[in-house]
Amino acid sequence: MSDSREHPAISFSDWEILQFVSMLKRNRPPWIYDALCAGHPQEFWFAGQGQASYQERGLEICRRCPVRKDCFTYAMEDSSLEGTWATTKKQRSDFSARGVGVEEAWSELLESETTPS
């Protein structure tokens, strides 16, 4: 007999999305209501392997967001957050590994976006 409380198998990306939604329900910072990410596909913020174009689309939205710095600060202060929060998890990890504080990291991020590669 099957237990009716069984959960269907979910993929890793589904799990990440569930964690994101759960976190927001528990502790929504006030600025989140002004964020441009609402209403866009979750894949933009939690792009899986082979979905770089989704991540780039998400970052394009982030770059126009009026609360981007708040989002960035929030993510820099909670290293457990996965996905895109104003920038990529990798960029935030790189700043942290170098011991760069939030304000300096924010300045470096903006500089990297305005400087031609």
PDB file of N, CA and C in Angstrom:
ATOM      1  N   MET A   1       0.839  -1.178   0.000  1.00  0.00           N
ATOM      2  CA  MET A   1       0.000   0.000   0.000  1.00  0.00           C
ATOM      3  C   MET A   1       0.882   1.238   0.000  1.00  0.00           C
ATOM      4  N   SER A   2       0.554   2.166  -0.828  1.00  0.00           N
ATOM      5  CA  SER A   2       1.349   3.385  -0.951  1.00  0.00           C
ATOM      6  C   SER A   2       0.912   4.410   0.091  1.00  0.00           C
ATOM      7  N   ASP A   3       1.868   5.056   0.684  1.00  0.00           N
ATOM      8  CA  ASP A   3       1.590   6.124   1.640  1.00  0.00           C
ATOM      9  C   ASP A   3       1.142   7.365   0.880  1.00  0.00           C
ATOM     10  N   SER A   4      -0.026   7.891   1.182  1.00  0.00           N
ATOM     11  CA  SER A   4      -0.551   9.055   0.451  1.00  0.00           C
ATOM     12  C   SER A   4       0.275  10.311   0.706  1.00  0.00           C
ATOM     13  N   ARG A   5       1.133  10.256   1.686  1.00  0.00           N
ATOM     14  CA  ARG A   5       1.984  11.413   1.968  1.00  0.00           C
ATOM     15  C   ARG A   5       3.296  11.371   1.207  1.00  0.00           C
ATOM     16  N   GLU A   6       3.499  10.366   0.387  1.00  0.00           N
ATOM     17  CA  GLU A   6       4.724  10.273  -0.393  1.00  0.00           C
ATOM     18  C   GLU A   6       4.870  11.484  -1.289  1.00  0.00           C
ATOM     19  N   HIS A   7       6.084  11.917  -1.457  1.00  0.00           N
ATOM     20  CA  HIS A   7       6.355  13.052  -2.327  1.00  0.00           C
ATOM     21  C   HIS A   7       6.891  12.542  -3.658  1.00  0.00           C
ATOM     22  N   PRO A   8       6.464  13.157  -4.736  1.00  0.00           N
ATOM     23  CA  PRO A   8       7.007  12.732  -6.030  1.00  0.00           C
ATOM     24  C   PRO A   8       8.485  13.094  -6.119  1.00  0.00           C
ATOM     25  N   ALA A   9       9.195  12.377  -6.935  1.00  0.00           N
ATOM     26  CA  ALA A   9      10.609  12.684  -7.136  1.00  0.00           C
ATOM     27  C   ALA A   9      10.726  14.070  -7.755  1.00  0.00           C
ATOM     28  N   ILE A  10      11.655  14.859  -7.251  1.00  0.00           N
ATOM     29  CA  ILE A  10      11.881  16.184  -7.827  1.00  0.00           C
ATOM     30  C   ILE A  10      13.331  16.306  -8.234  1.00  0.00           C
ATOM     31  N   SER A  11      13.578  17.115  -9.231  1.00  0.00           N
ATOM     32  CA  SER A  11      14.952  17.314  -9.694  1.00  0.00           C
ATOM     33  C   SER A  11      15.649  18.319  -8.790  1.00  0.00           C
ATOM     34  N   PHE A  12      16.935  18.394  -8.932  1.00  0.00           N
ATOM     35  CA  PHE A  12      17.724  19.316  -8.119  1.00  0.00           C
ATOM     36  C   PHE A  12      17.263  20.749  -8.323  1.00  0.00           C
ATOM     37  N   SER A  13      16.985  21.139  -9.552  1.00  0.00           N
ATOM     38  CA  SER A  13      16.554  22.512  -9.790  1.00  0.00           C
ATOM     39  C   SER A  13      15.199  22.774  -9.146  1.00  0.00           C
ATOM     40  N   ASP A  14      14.306  21.800  -9.135  1.00  0.00           N
ATOM     41  CA  ASP A  14      13.036  21.960  -8.439  1.00  0.00           C
ATOM     42  C   ASP A  14      13.277  22.166  -6.949  1.00  0.00           C
ATOM     43  N   TRP A  15      14.209  21.420  -6.412  1.00  0.00           N
ATOM     44  CA  TRP A  15      14.543  21.549  -4.998  1.00  0.00           C
ATOM     45  C   TRP A  15      15.036  22.964  -4.700  1.00  0.00           C
ATOM     46  N   GLU A  16      15.900  23.489  -5.558  1.00  0.00           N
ATOM     47  CA  GLU A  16      16.397  24.852  -5.355  1.00  0.00           C
ATOM     48  C   GLU A  16      15.252  25.853  -5.378  1.00  0.00           C
ATOM     49  N   ILE A  17      14.347  25.691  -6.295  1.00  0.00           N
ATOM     50  CA  ILE A  17      13.205  26.596  -6.395  1.00  0.00           C
ATOM     51  C   ILE A  17      12.353  26.500  -5.133  1.00  0.00           C
ATOM     52  N   LEU A  18      12.129  25.296  -4.651  1.00  0.00           N
ATOM     53  CA  LEU A  18      11.354  25.129  -3.423  1.00  0.00           C
ATOM     54  C   LEU A  18      12.039  25.794  -2.236  1.00  0.00           C
ATOM     55  N   GLN A  19      13.359  25.707  -2.167  1.00  0.00           N
ATOM     56  CA  GLN A  19      14.100  26.350  -1.092  1.00  0.00           C
ATOM     57  C   GLN A  19      13.960  27.866  -1.165  1.00  0.00           C
ATOM     58  N   PHE A  20      14.041  28.404  -2.369  1.00  0.00           N
ATOM     59  CA  PHE A  20      13.900  29.840  -2.596  1.00  0.00           C
ATOM     60  C   PHE A  20      12.520  30.313  -2.150  1.00  0.00           C
ATOM     61  N   VAL A  21      11.491  29.629  -2.583  1.00  0.00           N
ATOM     62  CA  VAL A  21      10.120  30.005  -2.232  1.00  0.00           C
ATOM     63  C   VAL A  21       9.912  29.872  -0.726  1.00  0.00           C
ATOM     64  N   SER A  22      10.404  28.802  -0.153  1.00  0.00           N
ATOM     65  CA  SER A  22      10.266  28.586   1.281  1.00  0.00           C
ATOM     66  C   SER A  22      10.954  29.697   2.068  1.00  0.00           C
ATOM     67  N   MET A  23      12.153  30.069   1.649  1.00  0.00           N
ATOM     68  CA  MET A  23      12.880  31.133   2.327  1.00  0.00           C
ATOM     69  C   MET A  23      12.107  32.442   2.250  1.00  0.00           C
ATOM     70  N   LEU A  24      11.565  32.751   1.089  1.00  0.00           N
ATOM     71  CA  LEU A  24      10.835  34.003   0.934  1.00  0.00           C
ATOM     72  C   LEU A  24       9.575  34.028   1.795  1.00  0.00           C
ATOM     73  N   LYS A  25       8.924  32.906   1.928  1.00  0.00           N
ATOM     74  CA  LYS A  25       7.729  32.852   2.760  1.00  0.00           C
ATOM     75  C   LYS A  25       8.063  33.058   4.231  1.00  0.00           C
ATOM     76  N   ARG A  26       9.219  32.563   4.656  1.00  0.00           N
ATOM     77  CA  ARG A  26       9.625  32.677   6.055  1.00  0.00           C
ATOM     78  C   ARG A  26      10.104  34.073   6.402  1.00  0.00           C
ATOM     79  N   ASN A  27      10.875  34.655   5.517  1.00  0.00           N
ATOM     80  CA  ASN A  27      11.597  35.861   5.889  1.00  0.00           C
ATOM     81  C   ASN A  27      11.713  36.804   4.694  1.00  0.00           C
ATOM     82  N   ARG A  28      10.630  37.391   4.290  1.00  0.00           N
ATOM     83  CA  ARG A  28      10.669  38.295   3.142  1.00  0.00           C
ATOM     84  C   ARG A  28      11.173  39.658   3.572  1.00  0.00           C
ATOM     85  N   PRO A  29      12.312  40.053   3.026  1.00  0.00           N
ATOM     86  CA  PRO A  29      12.780  41.404   3.336  1.00  0.00           C
ATOM     87  C   PRO A  29      11.840  42.413   2.660  1.00  0.00           C
ATOM     88  N   PRO A  30      11.653  43.571   3.240  1.00  0.00           N
ATOM     89  CA  PRO A  30      10.685  44.532   2.701  1.00  0.00           C
ATOM     90  C   PRO A  30      10.955  44.942   1.252  1.00  0.00           C
ATOM     91  N   TRP A  31      12.199  44.988   0.839  1.00  0.00           N
ATOM     92  CA  TRP A  31      12.521  45.435  -0.514  1.00  0.00           C
ATOM     93  C   TRP A  31      12.093  44.438  -1.590  1.00  0.00           C
ATOM     94  N   ILE A  32      11.841  43.188  -1.202  1.00  0.00           N
ATOM     95  CA  ILE A  32      11.537  42.146  -2.190  1.00  0.00           C
ATOM     96  C   ILE A  32      10.289  42.486  -3.010  1.00  0.00           C
ATOM     97  N   TYR A  33       9.378  43.252  -2.427  1.00  0.00           N
ATOM     98  CA  TYR A  33       8.143  43.596  -3.125  1.00  0.00           C
ATOM     99  C   TYR A  33       8.371  44.567  -4.277  1.00  0.00           C
ATOM    100  N   ASP A  34       9.522  45.217  -4.305  1.00  0.00           N
ATOM    101  CA  ASP A  34       9.863  46.141  -5.386  1.00  0.00           C
ATOM    102  C   ASP A  34      10.805  45.518  -6.411  1.00  0.00           C
ATOM    103  N   ALA A  35      11.165  44.272  -6.215  1.00  0.00           N
ATOM    104  CA  ALA A  35      12.126  43.597  -7.096  1.00  0.00           C
ATOM    105  C   ALA A  35      11.490  43.253  -8.445  1.00  0.00           C
ATOM    106  N   LEU A  36      12.274  43.403  -9.495  1.00  0.00           N
ATOM    107  CA  LEU A  36      11.793  43.108 -10.842  1.00  0.00           C
ATOM    108  C   LEU A  36      11.712  41.618 -11.146  1.00  0.00           C
ATOM    109  N   CYS A  37      12.272  40.783 -10.302  1.00  0.00           N
ATOM    110  CA  CYS A  37      12.297  39.343 -10.590  1.00  0.00           C
ATOM    111  C   CYS A  37      10.922  38.687 -10.477  1.00  0.00           C
ATOM    112  N   ALA A  38      10.032  39.290  -9.723  1.00  0.00           N
ATOM    113  CA  ALA A  38       8.697  38.712  -9.570  1.00  0.00           C
ATOM    114  C   ALA A  38       8.021  38.591 -10.932  1.00  0.00           C
ATOM    115  N   GLY A  39       7.415  37.464 -11.163  1.00  0.00           N
ATOM    116  CA  GLY A  39       6.684  37.262 -12.398  1.00  0.00           C
ATOM    117  C   GLY A  39       7.504  36.727 -13.555  1.00  0.00           C
ATOM    118  N   HIS A  40       8.791  36.530 -13.340  1.00  0.00           N
ATOM    119  CA  HIS A  40       9.648  35.961 -14.382  1.00  0.00           C
ATOM    120  C   HIS A  40       9.904  34.494 -14.062  1.00  0.00           C
ATOM    121  N   PRO A  41      10.246  33.701 -15.074  1.00  0.00           N
ATOM    122  CA  PRO A  41      10.491  32.270 -14.835  1.00  0.00           C
ATOM    123  C   PRO A  41      11.620  32.030 -13.816  1.00  0.00           C
ATOM    124  N   GLN A  42      11.409  31.067 -12.935  1.00  0.00           N
ATOM    125  CA  GLN A  42      12.396  30.732 -11.910  1.00  0.00           C
ATOM    126  C   GLN A  42      13.729  30.319 -12.517  1.00  0.00           C
ATOM    127  N   GLU A  43      13.705  29.795 -13.756  1.00  0.00           N
ATOM    128  CA  GLU A  43      14.945  29.377 -14.407  1.00  0.00           C
ATOM    129  C   GLU A  43      15.915  30.542 -14.573  1.00  0.00           C
ATOM    130  N   PHE A  44      15.409  31.762 -14.598  1.00  0.00           N
ATOM    131  CA  PHE A  44      16.285  32.929 -14.716  1.00  0.00           C
ATOM    132  C   PHE A  44      17.163  33.086 -13.474  1.00  0.00           C
ATOM    133  N   TRP A  45      16.681  32.663 -12.326  1.00  0.00           N
ATOM    134  CA  TRP A  45      17.400  32.854 -11.062  1.00  0.00           C
ATOM    135  C   TRP A  45      18.083  31.571 -10.598  1.00  0.00           C
ATOM    136  N   PHE A  46      17.618  30.442 -11.113  1.00  0.00           N
ATOM    137  CA  PHE A  46      18.193  29.151 -10.742  1.00  0.00           C
ATOM    138  C   PHE A  46      18.455  28.340 -12.000  1.00  0.00           C
ATOM    139  N   ALA A  47      19.255  28.876 -12.872  1.00  0.00           N
ATOM    140  CA  ALA A  47      19.555  28.208 -14.143  1.00  0.00           C
ATOM    141  C   ALA A  47      20.361  26.943 -13.868  1.00  0.00           C
ATOM    142  N   GLY A  48      19.948  25.887 -14.505  1.00  0.00           N
ATOM    143  CA  GLY A  48      20.661  24.629 -14.373  1.00  0.00           C
ATOM    144  C   GLY A  48      21.787  24.533 -15.388  1.00  0.00           C
ATOM    145  N   GLN A  49      22.487  23.430 -15.344  1.00  0.00           N
ATOM    146  CA  GLN A  49      23.576  23.192 -16.283  1.00  0.00           C
ATOM    147  C   GLN A  49      23.046  23.297 -17.717  1.00  0.00           C
ATOM    148  N   GLY A  50      23.761  24.020 -18.548  1.00  0.00           N
ATOM    149  CA  GLY A  50      23.362  24.177 -19.931  1.00  0.00           C
ATOM    150  C   GLY A  50      22.314  25.256 -20.145  1.00  0.00           C
ATOM    151  N   GLN A  51      22.020  26.037 -19.115  1.00  0.00           N
ATOM    152  CA  GLN A  51      21.015  27.084 -19.223  1.00  0.00           C
ATOM    153  C   GLN A  51      21.618  28.478 -19.028  1.00  0.00           C
ATOM    154  N   ALA A  52      22.798  28.686 -19.547  1.00  0.00           N
ATOM    155  CA  ALA A  52      23.475  29.978 -19.384  1.00  0.00           C
ATOM    156  C   ALA A  52      22.648  31.123 -19.958  1.00  0.00           C
ATOM    157  N   SER A  53      21.907  30.865 -21.022  1.00  0.00           N
ATOM    158  CA  SER A  53      21.096  31.938 -21.609  1.00  0.00           C
ATOM    159  C   SER A  53      19.997  32.380 -20.637  1.00  0.00           C
ATOM    160  N   TYR A  54      19.454  31.432 -19.845  1.00  0.00           N
ATOM    161  CA  TYR A  54      18.471  31.808 -18.832  1.00  0.00           C
ATOM    162  C   TYR A  54      19.109  32.700 -17.774  1.00  0.00           C
ATOM    163  N   GLN A  55      20.280  32.297 -17.314  1.00  0.00           N
ATOM    164  CA  GLN A  55      20.969  33.080 -16.290  1.00  0.00           C
ATOM    165  C   GLN A  55      21.272  34.484 -16.800  1.00  0.00           C
ATOM    166  N   GLU A  56      21.706  34.600 -18.027  1.00  0.00           N
ATOM    167  CA  GLU A  56      22.016  35.920 -18.585  1.00  0.00           C
ATOM    168  C   GLU A  56      20.754  36.781 -18.665  1.00  0.00           C
ATOM    169  N   ARG A  57      19.642  36.181 -19.034  1.00  0.00           N
ATOM    170  CA  ARG A  57      18.383  36.938 -19.079  1.00  0.00           C
ATOM    171  C   ARG A  57      18.013  37.421 -17.682  1.00  0.00           C
ATOM    172  N   GLY A  58      18.216  36.585 -16.694  1.00  0.00           N
ATOM    173  CA  GLY A  58      17.958  36.983 -15.316  1.00  0.00           C
ATOM    174  C   GLY A  58      18.852  38.136 -14.893  1.00  0.00           C
ATOM    175  N   LEU A  59      20.121  38.046 -15.239  1.00  0.00           N
ATOM    176  CA  LEU A  59      21.057  39.113 -14.876  1.00  0.00           C
ATOM    177  C   LEU A  59      20.707  40.424 -15.578  1.00  0.00           C
ATOM    178  N   GLU A  60      20.193  40.351 -16.795  1.00  0.00           N
ATOM    179  CA  GLU A  60      19.749  41.573 -17.482  1.00  0.00           C
ATOM    180  C   GLU A  60      18.619  42.245 -16.703  1.00  0.00           C
ATOM    181  N   ILE A  61      17.720  41.448 -16.177  1.00  0.00           N
ATOM    182  CA  ILE A  61      16.634  41.993 -15.352  1.00  0.00           C
ATOM    183  C   ILE A  61      17.208  42.583 -14.067  1.00  0.00           C
ATOM    184  N   CYS A  62      18.131  41.874 -13.452  1.00  0.00           N
ATOM    185  CA  CYS A  62      18.762  42.363 -12.222  1.00  0.00           C
ATOM    186  C   CYS A  62      19.420  43.734 -12.427  1.00  0.00           C
ATOM    187  N   ARG A  63      20.078  43.887 -13.536  1.00  0.00           N
ATOM    188  CA  ARG A  63      20.812  45.145 -13.783  1.00  0.00           C
ATOM    189  C   ARG A  63      19.890  46.359 -13.846  1.00  0.00           C
ATOM    190  N   ARG A  64      18.612  46.147 -14.109  1.00  0.00           N
ATOM    191  CA  ARG A  64      17.644  47.250 -14.171  1.00  0.00           C
ATOM    192  C   ARG A  64      16.822  47.389 -12.887  1.00  0.00           C
ATOM    193  N   CYS A  65      17.032  46.493 -11.945  1.00  0.00           N
ATOM    194  CA  CYS A  65      16.181  46.420 -10.753  1.00  0.00           C
ATOM    195  C   CYS A  65      16.472  47.561  -9.776  1.00  0.00           C
ATOM    196  N   PRO A  66      15.413  48.231  -9.287  1.00  0.00           N
ATOM    197  CA  PRO A  66      15.611  49.342  -8.355  1.00  0.00           C
ATOM    198  C   PRO A  66      16.115  48.919  -6.974  1.00  0.00           C
ATOM    199  N   VAL A  67      15.991  47.639  -6.629  1.00  0.00           N
ATOM    200  CA  VAL A  67      16.446  47.180  -5.317  1.00  0.00           C
ATOM    201  C   VAL A  67      17.631  46.215  -5.431  1.00  0.00           C
ATOM    202  N   ARG A  68      18.344  46.311  -6.518  1.00  0.00           N
ATOM    203  CA  ARG A  68      19.447  45.378  -6.763  1.00  0.00           C
ATOM    204  C   ARG A  68      20.499  45.411  -5.655  1.00  0.00           C
ATOM    205  N   LYS A  69      20.848  46.584  -5.185  1.00  0.00           N
ATOM    206  CA  LYS A  69      21.884  46.651  -4.143  1.00  0.00           C
ATOM    207  C   LYS A  69      21.396  45.981  -2.858  1.00  0.00           C
ATOM    208  N   ASP A  70      20.124  46.160  -2.526  1.00  0.00           N
ATOM    209  CA  ASP A  70      19.573  45.493  -1.343  1.00  0.00           C
ATOM    210  C   ASP A  70      19.654  43.973  -1.504  1.00  0.00           C
ATOM    211  N   CYS A  71      19.310  43.501  -2.690  1.00  0.00           N
ATOM    212  CA  CYS A  71      19.351  42.076  -3.001  1.00  0.00           C
ATOM    213  C   CYS A  71      20.792  41.551  -2.907  1.00  0.00           C
ATOM    214  N   PHE A  72      21.715  42.294  -3.479  1.00  0.00           N
ATOM    215  CA  PHE A  72      23.127  41.926  -3.447  1.00  0.00           C
ATOM    216  C   PHE A  72      23.628  41.842  -1.999  1.00  0.00           C
ATOM    217  N   THR A  73      23.303  42.850  -1.214  1.00  0.00           N
ATOM    218  CA  THR A  73      23.724  42.880   0.189  1.00  0.00           C
ATOM    219  C   THR A  73      23.158  41.681   0.943  1.00  0.00           C
ATOM    220  N   TYR A  74      21.892  41.405   0.712  1.00  0.00           N
ATOM    221  CA  TYR A  74      21.214  40.280   1.351  1.00  0.00           C
ATOM    222  C   TYR A  74      21.945  38.975   1.038  1.00  0.00           C
ATOM    223  N   ALA A  75      22.273  38.781  -0.228  1.00  0.00           N
ATOM    224  CA  ALA A  75      22.947  37.546  -0.641  1.00  0.00           C
ATOM    225  C   ALA A  75      24.383  37.477  -0.136  1.00  0.00           C
ATOM    226  N   MET A  76      25.070  38.592  -0.114  1.00  0.00           N
ATOM    227  CA  MET A  76      26.445  38.589   0.398  1.00  0.00           C
ATOM    228  C   MET A  76      26.469  38.271   1.891  1.00  0.00           C
ATOM    229  N   GLU A  77      25.427  38.653   2.603  1.00  0.00           N
ATOM    230  CA  GLU A  77      25.370  38.406   4.040  1.00  0.00           C
ATOM    231  C   GLU A  77      24.866  37.010   4.387  1.00  0.00           C
ATOM    232  N   ASP A  78      24.348  36.284   3.400  1.00  0.00           N
ATOM    233  CA  ASP A  78      23.888  34.904   3.620  1.00  0.00           C
ATOM    234  C   ASP A  78      24.481  34.013   2.533  1.00  0.00           C
ATOM    235  N   SER A  79      25.639  33.474   2.792  1.00  0.00           N
ATOM    236  CA  SER A  79      26.357  32.687   1.787  1.00  0.00           C
ATOM    237  C   SER A  79      25.657  31.379   1.442  1.00  0.00           C
ATOM    238  N   SER A  80      24.639  31.007   2.187  1.00  0.00           N
ATOM    239  CA  SER A  80      23.926  29.762   1.875  1.00  0.00           C
ATOM    240  C   SER A  80      22.952  29.925   0.711  1.00  0.00           C
ATOM    241  N   LEU A  81      22.666  31.156   0.302  1.00  0.00           N
ATOM    242  CA  LEU A  81      21.712  31.382  -0.784  1.00  0.00           C
ATOM    243  C   LEU A  81      22.282  30.927  -2.112  1.00  0.00           C
ATOM    244  N   GLU A  82      21.508  30.133  -2.804  1.00  0.00           N
ATOM    245  CA  GLU A  82      21.888  29.646  -4.125  1.00  0.00           C
ATOM    246  C   GLU A  82      21.264  30.556  -5.180  1.00  0.00           C
ATOM    247  N   GLY A  83      21.726  30.421  -6.393  1.00  0.00           N
ATOM    248  CA  GLY A  83      21.095  31.117  -7.501  1.00  0.00           C
ATOM    249  C   GLY A  83      21.545  32.560  -7.653  1.00  0.00           C
ATOM    250  N   THR A  84      20.811  33.258  -8.499  1.00  0.00           N
ATOM    251  CA  THR A  84      21.116  34.645  -8.822  1.00  0.00           C
ATOM    252  C   THR A  84      20.383  35.567  -7.862  1.00  0.00           C
ATOM    253  N   TRP A  85      21.158  36.363  -7.170  1.00  0.00           N
ATOM    254  CA  TRP A  85      20.644  37.410  -6.295  1.00  0.00           C
ATOM    255  C   TRP A  85      21.463  38.653  -6.637  1.00  0.00           C
ATOM    256  N   ALA A  86      21.030  39.396  -7.623  1.00  0.00           N
ATOM    257  CA  ALA A  86      21.720  40.595  -8.103  1.00  0.00           C
ATOM    258  C   ALA A  86      22.978  40.261  -8.897  1.00  0.00           C
ATOM    259  N   THR A  87      23.527  39.108  -8.673  1.00  0.00           N
ATOM    260  CA  THR A  87      24.674  38.593  -9.413  1.00  0.00           C
ATOM    261  C   THR A  87      24.729  37.080  -9.199  1.00  0.00           C
ATOM    262  N   THR A  88      25.703  36.449  -9.778  1.00  0.00           N
ATOM    263  CA  THR A  88      25.762  34.986  -9.676  1.00  0.00           C
ATOM    264  C   THR A  88      26.331  34.531  -8.338  1.00  0.00           C
ATOM    265  N   LYS A  89      25.998  33.314  -7.977  1.00  0.00           N
ATOM    266  CA  LYS A  89      26.552  32.696  -6.769  1.00  0.00           C
ATOM    267  C   LYS A  89      28.079  32.641  -6.863  1.00  0.00           C
ATOM    268  N   LYS A  90      28.605  32.339  -8.048  1.00  0.00           N
ATOM    269  CA  LYS A  90      30.056  32.272  -8.233  1.00  0.00           C
ATOM    270  C   LYS A  90      30.707  33.624  -7.955  1.00  0.00           C
ATOM    271  N   GLN A  91      30.147  34.695  -8.477  1.00  0.00           N
ATOM    272  CA  GLN A  91      30.720  36.019  -8.227  1.00  0.00           C
ATOM    273  C   GLN A  91      30.697  36.345  -6.734  1.00  0.00           C
ATOM    274  N   ARG A  92      29.584  36.055  -6.077  1.00  0.00           N
ATOM    275  CA  ARG A  92      29.504  36.329  -4.635  1.00  0.00           C
ATOM    276  C   ARG A  92      30.529  35.492  -3.873  1.00  0.00           C
ATOM    277  N   SER A  93      30.681  34.231  -4.273  1.00  0.00           N
ATOM    278  CA  SER A  93      31.664  33.355  -3.614  1.00  0.00           C
ATOM    279  C   SER A  93      33.082  33.869  -3.826  1.00  0.00           C
ATOM    280  N   ASP A  94      33.357  34.361  -5.032  1.00  0.00           N
ATOM    281  CA  ASP A  94      34.687  34.914  -5.314  1.00  0.00           C
ATOM    282  C   ASP A  94      34.978  36.130  -4.439  1.00  0.00           C
ATOM    283  N   PHE A  95      33.996  37.006  -4.293  1.00  0.00           N
ATOM    284  CA  PHE A  95      34.181  38.174  -3.409  1.00  0.00           C
ATOM    285  C   PHE A  95      34.460  37.719  -1.985  1.00  0.00           C
ATOM    286  N   SER A  96      33.671  36.775  -1.507  1.00  0.00           N
ATOM    287  CA  SER A  96      33.837  36.280  -0.136  1.00  0.00           C
ATOM    288  C   SER A  96      35.189  35.611   0.063  1.00  0.00           C
ATOM    289  N   ALA A  97      35.602  34.803  -0.904  1.00  0.00           N
ATOM    290  CA  ALA A  97      36.890  34.107  -0.801  1.00  0.00           C
ATOM    291  C   ALA A  97      38.055  35.094  -0.721  1.00  0.00           C
ATOM    292  N   ARG A  98      37.906  36.229  -1.379  1.00  0.00           N
ATOM    293  CA  ARG A  98      38.949  37.260  -1.342  1.00  0.00           C
ATOM    294  C   ARG A  98      38.822  38.172  -0.128  1.00  0.00           C
ATOM    295  N   GLY A  99      37.792  37.955   0.685  1.00  0.00           N
ATOM    296  CA  GLY A  99      37.602  38.772   1.882  1.00  0.00           C
ATOM    297  C   GLY A  99      37.118  40.183   1.578  1.00  0.00           C
ATOM    298  N   VAL A 100      36.453  40.343   0.444  1.00  0.00           N
ATOM    299  CA  VAL A 100      35.960  41.659   0.033  1.00  0.00           C
ATOM    300  C   VAL A 100      34.635  41.918   0.743  1.00  0.00           C
ATOM    301  N   GLY A 101      34.521  43.095   1.365  1.00  0.00           N
ATOM    302  CA  GLY A 101      33.281  43.475   2.036  1.00  0.00           C
ATOM    303  C   GLY A 101      32.193  43.828   1.033  1.00  0.00           C
ATOM    304  N   VAL A 102      30.988  43.982   1.532  1.00  0.00           N
ATOM    305  CA  VAL A 102      29.827  44.225   0.674  1.00  0.00           C
ATOM    306  C   VAL A 102      29.985  45.483  -0.161  1.00  0.00           C
ATOM    307  N   GLU A 103      30.373  46.583   0.448  1.00  0.00           N
ATOM    308  CA  GLU A 103      30.474  47.855  -0.294  1.00  0.00           C
ATOM    309  C   GLU A 103      31.539  47.780  -1.390  1.00  0.00           C
ATOM    310  N   GLU A 104      32.686  47.219  -1.056  1.00  0.00           N
ATOM    311  CA  GLU A 104      33.746  47.080  -2.059  1.00  0.00           C
ATOM    312  C   GLU A 104      33.318  46.104  -3.166  1.00  0.00           C
ATOM    313  N   ALA A 105      32.670  45.017  -2.776  1.00  0.00           N
ATOM    314  CA  ALA A 105      32.196  44.041  -3.763  1.00  0.00           C
ATOM    315  C   ALA A 105      31.174  44.688  -4.693  1.00  0.00           C
ATOM    316  N   TRP A 106      30.270  45.478  -4.147  1.00  0.00           N
ATOM    317  CA  TRP A 106      29.264  46.168  -4.946  1.00  0.00           C
ATOM    318  C   TRP A 106      29.946  47.099  -5.959  1.00  0.00           C
ATOM    319  N   SER A 107      30.931  47.853  -5.501  1.00  0.00           N
ATOM    320  CA  SER A 107      31.672  48.758  -6.399  1.00  0.00           C
ATOM    321  C   SER A 107      32.377  47.972  -7.505  1.00  0.00           C
ATOM    322  N   GLU A 108      33.022  46.875  -7.128  1.00  0.00           N
ATOM    323  CA  GLU A 108      33.716  46.041  -8.122  1.00  0.00           C
ATOM    324  C   GLU A 108      32.736  45.464  -9.136  1.00  0.00           C
ATOM    325  N   LEU A 109      31.579  45.038  -8.659  1.00  0.00           N
ATOM    326  CA  LEU A 109      30.574  44.475  -9.557  1.00  0.00           C
ATOM    327  C   LEU A 109      30.120  45.519 -10.579  1.00  0.00           C
ATOM    328  N   LEU A 110      29.786  46.699 -10.113  1.00  0.00           N
ATOM    329  CA  LEU A 110      29.336  47.752 -11.026  1.00  0.00           C
ATOM    330  C   LEU A 110      30.440  48.144 -12.002  1.00  0.00           C
ATOM    331  N   GLU A 111      31.659  48.206 -11.503  1.00  0.00           N
ATOM    332  CA  GLU A 111      32.809  48.533 -12.360  1.00  0.00           C
ATOM    333  C   GLU A 111      32.985  47.470 -13.444  1.00  0.00           C
ATOM    334  N   SER A 112      32.858  46.209 -13.068  1.00  0.00           N
ATOM    335  CA  SER A 112      33.040  45.128 -14.053  1.00  0.00           C
ATOM    336  C   SER A 112      31.966  45.155 -15.131  1.00  0.00           C
ATOM    337  N   GLU A 113      30.814  45.682 -14.806  1.00  0.00           N
ATOM    338  CA  GLU A 113      29.728  45.743 -15.789  1.00  0.00           C
ATOM    339  C   GLU A 113      29.837  46.927 -16.741  1.00  0.00           C
ATOM    340  N   THR A 114      30.601  47.936 -16.338  1.00  0.00           N
ATOM    341  CA  THR A 114      30.756  49.105 -17.202  1.00  0.00           C
ATOM    342  C   THR A 114      32.072  49.117 -17.953  1.00  0.00           C
ATOM    343  N   THR A 115      32.986  48.255 -17.543  1.00  0.00           N
ATOM    344  CA  THR A 115      34.283  48.179 -18.204  1.00  0.00           C
ATOM    345  C   THR A 115      34.216  47.153 -19.332  1.00  0.00           C
ATOM    346  N   PRO A 116      34.565  47.556 -20.564  1.00  0.00           N
ATOM    347  CA  PRO A 116      34.557  46.580 -21.670  1.00  0.00           C
ATOM    348  C   PRO A 116      35.532  45.448 -21.403  1.00  0.00           C
ATOM    349  N   SER A 117      35.122  44.238 -21.773  1.00  0.00           N
ATOM    350  CA  SER A 117      35.993  43.052 -21.561  1.00  0.00           C
ATOM    351  C   SER A 117      37.099  42.999 -22.566  1.00  0.00           C
TER     352      SER A 117
END
